[in-house]
PDB file of N, CA and C in Angstrom:
ATOM      1  N   MET A   1       0.847  -1.194   0.000  1.00  0.00           N
ATOM      2  CA  MET A   1       0.000   0.000   0.000  1.00  0.00           C
ATOM      3  C   MET A   1       0.885   1.248   0.000  1.00  0.00           C
ATOM      4  N   ALA A   2       0.502   2.234  -0.760  1.00  0.00           N
ATOM      5  CA  ALA A   2       1.279   3.468  -0.860  1.00  0.00           C
ATOM      6  C   ALA A   2       1.230   4.251   0.449  1.00  0.00           C
ATOM      7  N   GLU A   3       2.200   5.127   0.584  1.00  0.00           N
ATOM      8  CA  GLU A   3       2.240   5.951   1.792  1.00  0.00           C
ATOM      9  C   GLU A   3       0.980   6.806   1.884  1.00  0.00           C
ATOM     10  N   GLN A   4       0.483   6.920   3.097  1.00  0.00           N
ATOM     11  CA  GLN A   4      -0.672   7.776   3.356  1.00  0.00           C
ATOM     12  C   GLN A   4      -0.169   9.047   4.015  1.00  0.00           C
ATOM     13  N   THR A   5      -0.793  10.160   3.663  1.00  0.00           N
ATOM     14  CA  THR A   5      -0.429  11.423   4.284  1.00  0.00           C
ATOM     15  C   THR A   5      -1.600  11.895   5.132  1.00  0.00           C
ATOM     16  N   ILE A   6      -1.313  12.058   6.427  1.00  0.00           N
ATOM     17  CA  ILE A   6      -2.337  12.468   7.388  1.00  0.00           C
ATOM     18  C   ILE A   6      -1.921  13.806   7.990  1.00  0.00           C
ATOM     19  N   MET A   7      -2.787  14.800   7.854  1.00  0.00           N
ATOM     20  CA  MET A   7      -2.493  16.128   8.387  1.00  0.00           C
ATOM     21  C   MET A   7      -3.379  16.406   9.591  1.00  0.00           C
ATOM     22  N   LEU A   8      -2.740  16.794  10.708  1.00  0.00           N
ATOM     23  CA  LEU A   8      -3.469  17.200  11.905  1.00  0.00           C
ATOM     24  C   LEU A   8      -3.393  18.712  12.014  1.00  0.00           C
ATOM     25  N   ASN A   9      -4.490  19.321  12.436  1.00  0.00           N
ATOM     26  CA  ASN A   9      -4.514  20.771  12.586  1.00  0.00           C
ATOM     27  C   ASN A   9      -5.012  21.154  13.970  1.00  0.00           C
ATOM     28  N   CYS A  10      -4.328  22.132  14.564  1.00  0.00           N
ATOM     29  CA  CYS A  10      -4.826  22.709  15.819  1.00  0.00           C
ATOM     30  C   CYS A  10      -4.555  24.207  15.758  1.00  0.00           C
ATOM     31  N   SER A  11      -4.711  24.909  16.849  1.00  0.00           N
ATOM     32  CA  SER A  11      -4.551  26.354  16.775  1.00  0.00           C
ATOM     33  C   SER A  11      -3.122  26.767  16.467  1.00  0.00           C
ATOM     34  N   ALA A  12      -2.133  26.151  17.149  1.00  0.00           N
ATOM     35  CA  ALA A  12      -0.751  26.550  16.902  1.00  0.00           C
ATOM     36  C   ALA A  12       0.125  25.420  16.370  1.00  0.00           C
ATOM     37  N   GLY A  13      -0.381  24.196  16.367  1.00  0.00           N
ATOM     38  CA  GLY A  13       0.418  23.067  15.894  1.00  0.00           C
ATOM     39  C   GLY A  13       1.283  22.455  16.988  1.00  0.00           C
ATOM     40  N   MET A  14       1.163  22.971  18.203  1.00  0.00           N
ATOM     41  CA  MET A  14       2.014  22.504  19.298  1.00  0.00           C
ATOM     42  C   MET A  14       1.435  21.252  19.952  1.00  0.00           C
ATOM     43  N   SER A  15       0.206  21.329  20.414  1.00  0.00           N
ATOM     44  CA  SER A  15      -0.368  20.203  21.163  1.00  0.00           C
ATOM     45  C   SER A  15      -0.495  18.964  20.289  1.00  0.00           C
ATOM     46  N   THR A  16      -0.704  19.149  19.001  1.00  0.00           N
ATOM     47  CA  THR A  16      -0.853  17.975  18.139  1.00  0.00           C
ATOM     48  C   THR A  16       0.488  17.337  17.788  1.00  0.00           C
ATOM     49  N   SER A  17       1.604  18.048  17.987  1.00  0.00           N
ATOM     50  CA  SER A  17       2.895  17.455  17.613  1.00  0.00           C
ATOM     51  C   SER A  17       3.235  16.233  18.472  1.00  0.00           C
ATOM     52  N   LEU A  18       2.833  16.234  19.734  1.00  0.00           N
ATOM     53  CA  LEU A  18       3.029  15.060  20.582  1.00  0.00           C
ATOM     54  C   LEU A  18       2.165  13.906  20.063  1.00  0.00           C
ATOM     55  N   LEU A  19       0.960  14.218  19.673  1.00  0.00           N
ATOM     56  CA  LEU A  19       0.056  13.201  19.136  1.00  0.00           C
ATOM     57  C   LEU A  19       0.618  12.624  17.834  1.00  0.00           C
ATOM     58  N   VAL A  20       1.228  13.460  17.010  1.00  0.00           N
ATOM     59  CA  VAL A  20       1.853  12.994  15.765  1.00  0.00           C
ATOM     60  C   VAL A  20       2.896  11.926  16.084  1.00  0.00           C
ATOM     61  N   THR A  21       3.750  12.191  17.074  1.00  0.00           N
ATOM     62  CA  THR A  21       4.787  11.237  17.473  1.00  0.00           C
ATOM     63  C   THR A  21       4.166   9.905  17.879  1.00  0.00           C
ATOM     64  N   LYS A  22       3.097   9.968  18.678  1.00  0.00           N
ATOM     65  CA  LYS A  22       2.431   8.748  19.133  1.00  0.00           C
ATOM     66  C   LYS A  22       1.773   8.009  17.969  1.00  0.00           C
ATOM     67  N   MET A  23       1.222   8.748  17.017  1.00  0.00           N
ATOM     68  CA  MET A  23       0.605   8.134  15.843  1.00  0.00           C
ATOM     69  C   MET A  23       1.668   7.473  14.962  1.00  0.00           C
ATOM     70  N   GLN A  24       2.821   8.129  14.830  1.00  0.00           N
ATOM     71  CA  GLN A  24       3.910   7.565  14.031  1.00  0.00           C
ATOM     72  C   GLN A  24       4.390   6.250  14.639  1.00  0.00           C
ATOM     73  N   GLN A  25       4.491   6.209  15.980  1.00  0.00           N
ATOM     74  CA  GLN A  25       4.886   4.981  16.668  1.00  0.00           C
ATOM     75  C   GLN A  25       3.868   3.876  16.384  1.00  0.00           C
ATOM     76  N   ALA A  26       2.577   4.215  16.481  1.00  0.00           N
ATOM     77  CA  ALA A  26       1.510   3.227  16.247  1.00  0.00           C
ATOM     78  C   ALA A  26       1.559   2.736  14.798  1.00  0.00           C
ATOM     79  N   ALA A  27       1.792   3.643  13.861  1.00  0.00           N
ATOM     80  CA  ALA A  27       1.860   3.263  12.443  1.00  0.00           C
ATOM     81  C   ALA A  27       3.022   2.304  12.209  1.00  0.00           C
ATOM     82  N   GLN A  28       4.159   2.608  12.828  1.00  0.00           N
ATOM     83  CA  GLN A  28       5.341   1.770  12.688  1.00  0.00           C
ATOM     84  C   GLN A  28       5.071   0.361  13.227  1.00  0.00           C
ATOM     85  N   GLU A  29       4.442   0.314  14.401  1.00  0.00           N
ATOM     86  CA  GLU A  29       4.126  -0.974  15.030  1.00  0.00           C
ATOM     87  C   GLU A  29       3.184  -1.808  14.153  1.00  0.00           C
ATOM     88  N   GLN A  30       2.291  -1.113  13.435  1.00  0.00           N
ATOM     89  CA  GLN A  30       1.292  -1.828  12.617  1.00  0.00           C
ATOM     90  C   GLN A  30       1.752  -2.006  11.167  1.00  0.00           C
ATOM     91  N   GLY A  31       2.955  -1.530  10.867  1.00  0.00           N
ATOM     92  CA  GLY A  31       3.464  -1.660   9.507  1.00  0.00           C
ATOM     93  C   GLY A  31       2.743  -0.784   8.502  1.00  0.00           C
ATOM     94  N   ILE A  32       2.209   0.337   8.974  1.00  0.00           N
ATOM     95  CA  ILE A  32       1.495   1.270   8.094  1.00  0.00           C
ATOM     96  C   ILE A  32       2.490   2.343   7.632  1.00  0.00           C
ATOM     97  N   ASP A  33       2.572   2.526   6.316  1.00  0.00           N
ATOM     98  CA  ASP A  33       3.464   3.524   5.746  1.00  0.00           C
ATOM     99  C   ASP A  33       2.716   4.853   5.711  1.00  0.00           C
ATOM    100  N   ALA A  34       3.022   5.721   6.666  1.00  0.00           N
ATOM    101  CA  ALA A  34       2.259   6.969   6.765  1.00  0.00           C
ATOM    102  C   ALA A  34       3.168   8.158   7.041  1.00  0.00           C
ATOM    103  N   LYS A  35       2.852   9.244   6.386  1.00  0.00           N
ATOM    104  CA  LYS A  35       3.497  10.525   6.686  1.00  0.00           C
ATOM    105  C   LYS A  35       2.453  11.282   7.503  1.00  0.00           C
ATOM    106  N   ILE A  36       2.789  11.566   8.749  1.00  0.00           N
ATOM    107  CA  ILE A  36       1.840  12.227   9.650  1.00  0.00           C
ATOM    108  C   ILE A  36       2.489  13.518  10.116  1.00  0.00           C
ATOM    109  N   PHE A  37       1.784  14.627   9.955  1.00  0.00           N
ATOM    110  CA  PHE A  37       2.353  15.898  10.401  1.00  0.00           C
ATOM    111  C   PHE A  37       1.266  16.809  10.946  1.00  0.00           C
ATOM    112  N   ALA A  38       1.692  17.777  11.746  1.00  0.00           N
ATOM    113  CA  ALA A  38       0.765  18.736  12.343  1.00  0.00           C
ATOM    114  C   ALA A  38       1.116  20.124  11.853  1.00  0.00           C
ATOM    115  N   CYS A  39       0.103  20.944  11.714  1.00  0.00           N
ATOM    116  CA  CYS A  39       0.355  22.342  11.386  1.00  0.00           C
ATOM    117  C   CYS A  39      -0.772  23.190  11.960  1.00  0.00           C
ATOM    118  N   PRO A  40      -0.492  24.478  12.150  1.00  0.00           N
ATOM    119  CA  PRO A  40      -1.561  25.372  12.618  1.00  0.00           C
ATOM    120  C   PRO A  40      -2.662  25.450  11.563  1.00  0.00           C
ATOM    121  N   ALA A  41      -3.884  25.600  12.004  1.00  0.00           N
ATOM    122  CA  ALA A  41      -5.018  25.688  11.084  1.00  0.00           C
ATOM    123  C   ALA A  41      -4.804  26.797  10.053  1.00  0.00           C
ATOM    124  N   SER A  42      -4.098  27.855  10.456  1.00  0.00           N
ATOM    125  CA  SER A  42      -3.855  28.985   9.552  1.00  0.00           C
ATOM    126  C   SER A  42      -2.980  28.614   8.352  1.00  0.00           C
ATOM    127  N   GLU A  43      -2.214  27.506   8.473  1.00  0.00           N
ATOM    128  CA  GLU A  43      -1.342  27.090   7.373  1.00  0.00           C
ATOM    129  C   GLU A  43      -1.912  25.924   6.571  1.00  0.00           C
ATOM    130  N   ALA A  44      -3.086  25.463   6.933  1.00  0.00           N
ATOM    131  CA  ALA A  44      -3.664  24.271   6.302  1.00  0.00           C
ATOM    132  C   ALA A  44      -3.827  24.421   4.795  1.00  0.00           C
ATOM    133  N   SER A  45      -4.318  25.557   4.346  1.00  0.00           N
ATOM    134  CA  SER A  45      -4.570  25.753   2.916  1.00  0.00           C
ATOM    135  C   SER A  45      -3.310  25.590   2.082  1.00  0.00           C
ATOM    136  N   GLN A  46      -2.167  26.075   2.604  1.00  0.00           N
ATOM    137  CA  GLN A  46      -0.903  25.946   1.875  1.00  0.00           C
ATOM    138  C   GLN A  46      -0.564  24.470   1.674  1.00  0.00           C
ATOM    139  N   HIS A  47      -0.691  23.674   2.737  1.00  0.00           N
ATOM    140  CA  HIS A  47      -0.370  22.249   2.643  1.00  0.00           C
ATOM    141  C   HIS A  47      -1.349  21.522   1.720  1.00  0.00           C
ATOM    142  N   ILE A  48      -2.635  21.850   1.844  1.00  0.00           N
ATOM    143  CA  ILE A  48      -3.658  21.194   1.023  1.00  0.00           C
ATOM    144  C   ILE A  48      -3.409  21.495  -0.458  1.00  0.00           C
ATOM    145  N   GLY A  49      -2.942  22.694  -0.753  1.00  0.00           N
ATOM    146  CA  GLY A  49      -2.690  23.066  -2.138  1.00  0.00           C
ATOM    147  C   GLY A  49      -1.427  22.452  -2.718  1.00  0.00           C
ATOM    148  N   GLN A  50      -0.445  22.133  -1.858  1.00  0.00           N
ATOM    149  CA  GLN A  50       0.862  21.695  -2.341  1.00  0.00           C
ATOM    150  C   GLN A  50       1.111  20.193  -2.223  1.00  0.00           C
ATOM    151  N   GLU A  51       0.397  19.506  -1.357  1.00  0.00           N
ATOM    152  CA  GLU A  51       0.678  18.093  -1.108  1.00  0.00           C
ATOM    153  C   GLU A  51      -0.556  17.247  -1.377  1.00  0.00           C
ATOM    154  N   GLU A  52      -0.326  15.962  -1.645  1.00  0.00           N
ATOM    155  CA  GLU A  52      -1.448  15.039  -1.777  1.00  0.00           C
ATOM    156  C   GLU A  52      -1.743  14.497  -0.384  1.00  0.00           C
ATOM    157  N   ILE A  53      -2.804  14.978   0.194  1.00  0.00           N
ATOM    158  CA  ILE A  53      -3.164  14.603   1.565  1.00  0.00           C
ATOM    159  C   ILE A  53      -4.342  13.637   1.526  1.00  0.00           C
ATOM    160  N   ASP A  54      -4.212  12.546   2.289  1.00  0.00           N
ATOM    161  CA  ASP A  54      -5.244  11.513   2.279  1.00  0.00           C
ATOM    162  C   ASP A  54      -6.318  11.725   3.333  1.00  0.00           C
ATOM    163  N   CYS A  55      -5.991  12.525   4.356  1.00  0.00           N
ATOM    164  CA  CYS A  55      -6.916  12.671   5.472  1.00  0.00           C
ATOM    165  C   CYS A  55      -6.537  13.915   6.283  1.00  0.00           C
ATOM    166  N   VAL A  56      -7.542  14.675   6.702  1.00  0.00           N
ATOM    167  CA  VAL A  56      -7.311  15.847   7.552  1.00  0.00           C
ATOM    168  C   VAL A  56      -8.067  15.648   8.857  1.00  0.00           C
ATOM    169  N   LEU A  57      -7.333  15.783   9.965  1.00  0.00           N
ATOM    170  CA  LEU A  57      -7.952  15.677  11.287  1.00  0.00           C
ATOM    171  C   LEU A  57      -7.783  16.997  12.029  1.00  0.00           C
ATOM    172  N   LEU A  58      -8.860  17.445  12.646  1.00  0.00           N
ATOM    173  CA  LEU A  58      -8.831  18.698  13.403  1.00  0.00           C
ATOM    174  C   LEU A  58      -8.774  18.407  14.894  1.00  0.00           C
ATOM    175  N   GLY A  59      -7.936  19.133  15.603  1.00  0.00           N
ATOM    176  CA  GLY A  59      -7.911  19.029  17.058  1.00  0.00           C
ATOM    177  C   GLY A  59      -9.248  19.510  17.607  1.00  0.00           C
ATOM    178  N   PRO A  60      -9.696  18.931  18.728  1.00  0.00           N
ATOM    179  CA  PRO A  60     -10.995  19.326  19.302  1.00  0.00           C
ATOM    180  C   PRO A  60     -11.108  20.834  19.543  1.00  0.00           C
ATOM    181  N   GLN A  61      -9.963  21.484  19.847  1.00  0.00           N
ATOM    182  CA  GLN A  61     -10.018  22.916  20.142  1.00  0.00           C
ATOM    183  C   GLN A  61     -10.308  23.772  18.907  1.00  0.00           C
ATOM    184  N   VAL A  62     -10.198  23.190  17.714  1.00  0.00           N
ATOM    185  CA  VAL A  62     -10.548  23.952  16.496  1.00  0.00           C
ATOM    186  C   VAL A  62     -11.733  23.308  15.764  1.00  0.00           C
ATOM    187  N   SER A  63     -12.505  22.512  16.491  1.00  0.00           N
ATOM    188  CA  SER A  63     -13.656  21.839  15.864  1.00  0.00           C
ATOM    189  C   SER A  63     -14.650  22.852  15.286  1.00  0.00           C
ATOM    190  N   TYR A  64     -14.664  24.059  15.846  1.00  0.00           N
ATOM    191  CA  TYR A  64     -15.564  25.104  15.339  1.00  0.00           C
ATOM    192  C   TYR A  64     -15.189  25.522  13.906  1.00  0.00           C
ATOM    193  N   MET A  65     -14.001  25.139  13.442  1.00  0.00           N
ATOM    194  CA  MET A  65     -13.552  25.501  12.097  1.00  0.00           C
ATOM    195  C   MET A  65     -13.897  24.432  11.063  1.00  0.00           C
ATOM    196  N   LYS A  66     -14.619  23.401  11.474  1.00  0.00           N
ATOM    197  CA  LYS A  66     -14.870  22.275  10.564  1.00  0.00           C
ATOM    198  C   LYS A  66     -15.535  22.719   9.258  1.00  0.00           C
ATOM    199  N   ASP A  67     -16.533  23.579   9.343  1.00  0.00           N
ATOM    200  CA  ASP A  67     -17.226  24.031   8.124  1.00  0.00           C
ATOM    201  C   ASP A  67     -16.262  24.732   7.169  1.00  0.00           C
ATOM    202  N   ASP A  68     -15.362  25.519   7.733  1.00  0.00           N
ATOM    203  CA  ASP A  68     -14.348  26.209   6.951  1.00  0.00           C
ATOM    204  C   ASP A  68     -13.458  25.192   6.242  1.00  0.00           C
ATOM    205  N   PHE A  69     -13.088  24.134   6.969  1.00  0.00           N
ATOM    206  CA  PHE A  69     -12.225  23.087   6.406  1.00  0.00           C
ATOM    207  C   PHE A  69     -12.936  22.268   5.340  1.00  0.00           C
ATOM    208  N   VAL A  70     -14.246  22.088   5.480  1.00  0.00           N
ATOM    209  CA  VAL A  70     -15.012  21.359   4.460  1.00  0.00           C
ATOM    210  C   VAL A  70     -14.778  22.026   3.103  1.00  0.00           C
ATOM    211  N   ASN A  71     -14.774  23.350   3.080  1.00  0.00           N
ATOM    212  CA  ASN A  71     -14.524  24.091   1.835  1.00  0.00           C
ATOM    213  C   ASN A  71     -13.078  23.950   1.366  1.00  0.00           C
ATOM    214  N   LYS A  72     -12.137  23.926   2.324  1.00  0.00           N
ATOM    215  CA  LYS A  72     -10.713  23.808   1.972  1.00  0.00           C
ATOM    216  C   LYS A  72     -10.392  22.468   1.323  1.00  0.00           C
ATOM    217  N   VAL A  73     -11.043  21.390   1.755  1.00  0.00           N
ATOM    218  CA  VAL A  73     -10.715  20.049   1.257  1.00  0.00           C
ATOM    219  C   VAL A  73     -11.562  19.632   0.053  1.00  0.00           C
ATOM    220  N   LYS A  74     -12.553  20.438  -0.274  1.00  0.00           N
ATOM    221  CA  LYS A  74     -13.456  20.099  -1.376  1.00  0.00           C
ATOM    222  C   LYS A  74     -12.696  19.977  -2.698  1.00  0.00           C
ATOM    223  N   GLY A  75     -12.756  18.794  -3.276  1.00  0.00           N
ATOM    224  CA  GLY A  75     -12.137  18.570  -4.585  1.00  0.00           C
ATOM    225  C   GLY A  75     -10.620  18.556  -4.593  1.00  0.00           C
ATOM    226  N   LYS A  76      -9.990  18.543  -3.405  1.00  0.00           N
ATOM    227  CA  LYS A  76      -8.525  18.625  -3.331  1.00  0.00           C
ATOM    228  C   LYS A  76      -7.857  17.257  -3.158  1.00  0.00           C
ATOM    229  N   GLY A  77      -8.650  16.204  -3.054  1.00  0.00           N
ATOM    230  CA  GLY A  77      -8.089  14.874  -2.856  1.00  0.00           C
ATOM    231  C   GLY A  77      -7.752  14.186  -4.167  1.00  0.00           C
ATOM    232  N   LYS A  78      -7.469  12.898  -4.078  1.00  0.00           N
ATOM    233  CA  LYS A  78      -7.156  12.105  -5.270  1.00  0.00           C
ATOM    234  C   LYS A  78      -8.321  12.143  -6.245  1.00  0.00           C
ATOM    235  N   ASP A  79      -8.011  12.255  -7.517  1.00  0.00           N
ATOM    236  CA  ASP A  79      -9.019  12.255  -8.585  1.00  0.00           C
ATOM    237  C   ASP A  79     -10.106  13.309  -8.370  1.00  0.00           C
ATOM    238  N   GLY A  80      -9.733  14.424  -7.756  1.00  0.00           N
ATOM    239  CA  GLY A  80     -10.691  15.505  -7.553  1.00  0.00           C
ATOM    240  C   GLY A  80     -11.738  15.240  -6.489  1.00  0.00           C
ATOM    241  N   GLN A  81     -11.513  14.195  -5.691  1.00  0.00           N
ATOM    242  CA  GLN A  81     -12.440  13.892  -4.593  1.00  0.00           C
ATOM    243  C   GLN A  81     -12.186  14.852  -3.435  1.00  0.00           C
ATOM    244  N   ASP A  82     -13.134  14.909  -2.509  1.00  0.00           N
ATOM    245  CA  ASP A  82     -12.921  15.679  -1.288  1.00  0.00           C
ATOM    246  C   ASP A  82     -11.971  14.891  -0.390  1.00  0.00           C
ATOM    247  N   ILE A  83     -11.083  15.576   0.307  1.00  0.00           N
ATOM    248  CA  ILE A  83     -10.203  14.910   1.265  1.00  0.00           C
ATOM    249  C   ILE A  83     -11.044  14.575   2.503  1.00  0.00           C
ATOM    250  N   PRO A  84     -10.984  13.323   2.969  1.00  0.00           N
ATOM    251  CA  PRO A  84     -11.742  12.973   4.184  1.00  0.00           C
ATOM    252  C   PRO A  84     -11.319  13.851   5.364  1.00  0.00           C
ATOM    253  N   LEU A  85     -12.303  14.305   6.126  1.00  0.00           N
ATOM    254  CA  LEU A  85     -12.083  15.270   7.204  1.00  0.00           C
ATOM    255  C   LEU A  85     -12.904  14.880   8.419  1.00  0.00           C
ATOM    256  N   ASP A  86     -12.296  15.036   9.597  1.00  0.00           N
ATOM    257  CA  ASP A  86     -13.050  14.797  10.825  1.00  0.00           C
ATOM    258  C   ASP A  86     -12.362  15.521  11.981  1.00  0.00           C
ATOM    259  N   VAL A  87     -13.084  15.633  13.081  1.00  0.00           N
ATOM    260  CA  VAL A  87     -12.519  16.176  14.317  1.00  0.00           C
ATOM    261  C   VAL A  87     -12.005  14.984  15.120  1.00  0.00           C
ATOM    262  N   ILE A  88     -10.804  15.110  15.657  1.00  0.00           N
ATOM    263  CA  ILE A  88     -10.212  14.024  16.447  1.00  0.00           C
ATOM    264  C   ILE A  88     -11.095  13.730  17.654  1.00  0.00           C
ATOM    265  N   ASN A  89     -11.315  12.451  17.893  1.00  0.00           N
ATOM    266  CA  ASN A  89     -12.079  12.012  19.059  1.00  0.00           C
ATOM    267  C   ASN A  89     -11.489  12.674  20.306  1.00  0.00           C
ATOM    268  N   MET A  90     -12.341  13.368  21.067  1.00  0.00           N
ATOM    269  CA  MET A  90     -11.854  14.174  22.190  1.00  0.00           C
ATOM    270  C   MET A  90     -11.161  13.335  23.268  1.00  0.00           C
ATOM    271  N   GLN A  91     -11.699  12.164  23.570  1.00  0.00           N
ATOM    272  CA  GLN A  91     -11.071  11.304  24.585  1.00  0.00           C
ATOM    273  C   GLN A  91      -9.706  10.830  24.113  1.00  0.00           C
ATOM    274  N   ALA A  92      -9.635  10.392  22.853  1.00  0.00           N
ATOM    275  CA  ALA A  92      -8.371   9.904  22.305  1.00  0.00           C
ATOM    276  C   ALA A  92      -7.347  11.037  22.290  1.00  0.00           C
ATOM    277  N   TYR A  93      -7.821  12.248  21.980  1.00  0.00           N
ATOM    278  CA  TYR A  93      -6.928  13.409  21.948  1.00  0.00           C
ATOM    279  C   TYR A  93      -6.413  13.720  23.349  1.00  0.00           C
ATOM    280  N   GLY A  94      -7.333  13.747  24.298  1.00  0.00           N
ATOM    281  CA  GLY A  94      -6.970  14.062  25.680  1.00  0.00           C
ATOM    282  C   GLY A  94      -5.975  13.066  26.261  1.00  0.00           C
ATOM    283  N   MET A  95      -6.093  11.812  25.849  1.00  0.00           N
ATOM    284  CA  MET A  95      -5.199  10.769  26.356  1.00  0.00           C
ATOM    285  C   MET A  95      -3.975  10.586  25.458  1.00  0.00           C
ATOM    286  N   MET A  96      -3.907  11.404  24.377  1.00  0.00           N
ATOM    287  CA  MET A  96      -2.810  11.299  23.407  1.00  0.00           C
ATOM    288  C   MET A  96      -2.675   9.851  22.931  1.00  0.00           C
ATOM    289  N   ASP A  97      -3.819   9.247  22.605  1.00  0.00           N
ATOM    290  CA  ASP A  97      -3.864   7.856  22.166  1.00  0.00           C
ATOM    291  C   ASP A  97      -3.607   7.789  20.659  1.00  0.00           C
ATOM    292  N   GLY A  98      -2.323   7.689  20.305  1.00  0.00           N
ATOM    293  CA  GLY A  98      -1.926   7.678  18.905  1.00  0.00           C
ATOM    294  C   GLY A  98      -2.538   6.541  18.110  1.00  0.00           C
ATOM    295  N   LYS A  99      -2.666   5.388  18.749  1.00  0.00           N
ATOM    296  CA  LYS A  99      -3.224   4.216  18.076  1.00  0.00           C
ATOM    297  C   LYS A  99      -4.681   4.458  17.684  1.00  0.00           C
ATOM    298  N   LYS A 100      -5.443   5.024  18.621  1.00  0.00           N
ATOM    299  CA  LYS A 100      -6.863   5.265  18.380  1.00  0.00           C
ATOM    300  C   LYS A 100      -7.072   6.343  17.305  1.00  0.00           C
ATOM    301  N   VAL A 101      -6.262   7.394  17.349  1.00  0.00           N
ATOM    302  CA  VAL A 101      -6.403   8.474  16.371  1.00  0.00           C
ATOM    303  C   VAL A 101      -5.946   7.987  14.990  1.00  0.00           C
ATOM    304  N   LEU A 102      -4.902   7.159  14.957  1.00  0.00           N
ATOM    305  CA  LEU A 102      -4.465   6.568  13.691  1.00  0.00           C
ATOM    306  C   LEU A 102      -5.591   5.718  13.107  1.00  0.00           C
ATOM    307  N   GLN A 103      -6.270   4.949  13.954  1.00  0.00           N
ATOM    308  CA  GLN A 103      -7.392   4.122  13.493  1.00  0.00           C
ATOM    309  C   GLN A 103      -8.505   5.004  12.937  1.00  0.00           C
ATOM    310  N   GLN A 104      -8.764   6.135  13.587  1.00  0.00           N
ATOM    311  CA  GLN A 104      -9.779   7.070  13.108  1.00  0.00           C
ATOM    312  C   GLN A 104      -9.405   7.563  11.705  1.00  0.00           C
ATOM    313  N   ALA A 105      -8.131   7.883  11.500  1.00  0.00           N
ATOM    314  CA  ALA A 105      -7.653   8.349  10.192  1.00  0.00           C
ATOM    315  C   ALA A 105      -7.791   7.239   9.152  1.00  0.00           C
ATOM    316  N   GLU A 106      -7.387   6.016   9.531  1.00  0.00           N
ATOM    317  CA  GLU A 106      -7.487   4.867   8.614  1.00  0.00           C
ATOM    318  C   GLU A 106      -8.936   4.635   8.185  1.00  0.00           C
ATOM    319  N   ASP A 107      -9.856   4.719   9.146  1.00  0.00           N
ATOM    320  CA  ASP A 107     -11.277   4.521   8.840  1.00  0.00           C
ATOM    321  C   ASP A 107     -11.757   5.579   7.846  1.00  0.00           C
ATOM    322  N   LEU A 108     -11.305   6.817   8.023  1.00  0.00           N
ATOM    323  CA  LEU A 108     -11.686   7.887   7.105  1.00  0.00           C
ATOM    324  C   LEU A 108     -11.136   7.631   5.700  1.00  0.00           C
ATOM    325  N   ILE A 109      -9.860   7.263   5.643  1.00  0.00           N
ATOM    326  CA  ILE A 109      -9.204   7.036   4.351  1.00  0.00           C
ATOM    327  C   ILE A 109      -9.844   5.884   3.606  1.00  0.00           C
ATOM    328  N   ASN A 110     -10.179   4.834   4.343  1.00  0.00           N
ATOM    329  CA  ASN A 110     -10.752   3.647   3.714  1.00  0.00           C
ATOM    330  C   ASN A 110     -12.263   3.718   3.536  1.00  0.00           C
ATOM    331  N   GLY A 111     -12.828   4.851   3.902  1.00  0.00           N
ATOM    332  CA  GLY A 111     -14.268   5.067   3.709  1.00  0.00           C
ATOM    333  C   GLY A 111     -15.101   4.201   4.601  1.00  0.00           C
TER     334      GLY A 111
END
């Protein structure tokens, strides 16, 4: 399976960077080839325009921006599809459960 690119967004990109590390560990353990990175919500459009992103996850603290992100990901995925988007499960986020958040991303990517 080709590498998957998962983008996490929060207000400053700080709190999600720890979660990225935990997700990368979980991906490695499961043999999943994934590029996982975090960025501030303000920089999301630049990444969406320049990279092929398979999934966008929003930190719970920016869940109010979901409608805005729906427009950002529209038609920007593979073959002009919308990039799958969701808000990270709040419990998994609070516990920094990389495995659970990775599973959430996988479920989104695989429809």
